[in-house]
Amino acid sequence: MACLISATSRPMLRTIVPVVSRGAGSMIAWIFTVVSTGSILLIAWLVLRPRP
């Protein structure tokens, strides 16, 4: 099985990993949580709202 991370992408990973470990990953998780919860609430409102 081939290695998924090539030698050319390793320097890029060294610059991304410290950024994620400093809290950017936590921010992305919060953004995902807010967007997905808002989407579910919007869909529920569109389905359950009273129709005239």
Protein backbone atom coordinates (compact mmCIF):
# COMPACT_ATOMS: atom_id res chain seq x y z
CA MET A 1 0.00 0.00 0.00
CA ALA A 2 1.39 3.38 -0.98
CA CYS A 3 2.05 6.16 1.49
CA LEU A 4 -0.67 8.81 1.28
CA ILE A 5 1.61 11.65 2.40
CA SER A 6 4.23 12.35 -0.22
CA ALA A 7 7.64 13.83 0.45
CA THR A 8 6.58 17.14 -1.11
CA SER A 9 3.61 17.60 1.23
CA ARG A 10 5.56 17.03 4.46
CA PRO A 11 6.94 20.61 4.75
CA MET A 12 3.39 21.91 4.31
CA LEU A 13 2.17 19.62 7.11
CA ARG A 14 4.87 20.98 9.41
CA THR A 15 3.42 24.47 8.97
CA ILE A 16 -0.24 23.40 9.35
CA VAL A 17 0.10 21.21 12.45
CA PRO A 18 1.31 23.97 14.84
CA VAL A 19 -1.56 26.22 13.71
CA VAL A 20 -4.14 23.51 14.41
CA SER A 21 -2.59 22.70 17.77
CA ARG A 22 -2.79 26.39 18.79
CA GLY A 23 -6.58 26.41 18.65
CA ALA A 24 -7.57 26.69 15.00
CA GLY A 25 -8.92 23.14 15.13
CA SER A 26 -11.12 24.09 18.05
CA MET A 27 -12.45 27.10 16.14
CA ILE A 28 -13.23 24.94 13.11
CA ALA A 29 -15.09 22.49 15.37
CA TRP A 30 -17.19 25.32 16.80
CA ILE A 31 -18.00 26.70 13.35
CA PHE A 32 -19.04 23.23 12.19
CA THR A 33 -21.23 22.78 15.29
CA VAL A 34 -22.99 26.13 14.86
CA VAL A 35 -23.59 25.66 11.12
CA SER A 36 -24.86 22.09 11.45
CA THR A 37 -27.14 22.92 14.40
CA GLY A 38 -28.52 25.95 12.61
CA SER A 39 -29.17 23.89 9.50
CA ILE A 40 -31.03 21.23 11.47
CA LEU A 41 -33.14 23.88 13.20
CA LEU A 42 -33.95 25.52 9.87
CA ILE A 43 -35.01 22.21 8.31
CA ALA A 44 -37.12 21.34 11.37
CA TRP A 45 -38.81 24.75 11.24
CA LEU A 46 -39.54 24.41 7.52
CA VAL A 47 -41.04 20.95 8.01
CA LEU A 48 -42.99 21.57 11.24
CA ARG A 49 -44.29 25.11 10.68
CA PRO A 50 -48.08 25.46 10.52
CA ARG A 51 -49.44 25.72 7.01
CA PRO A 52 -52.34 28.10 6.21
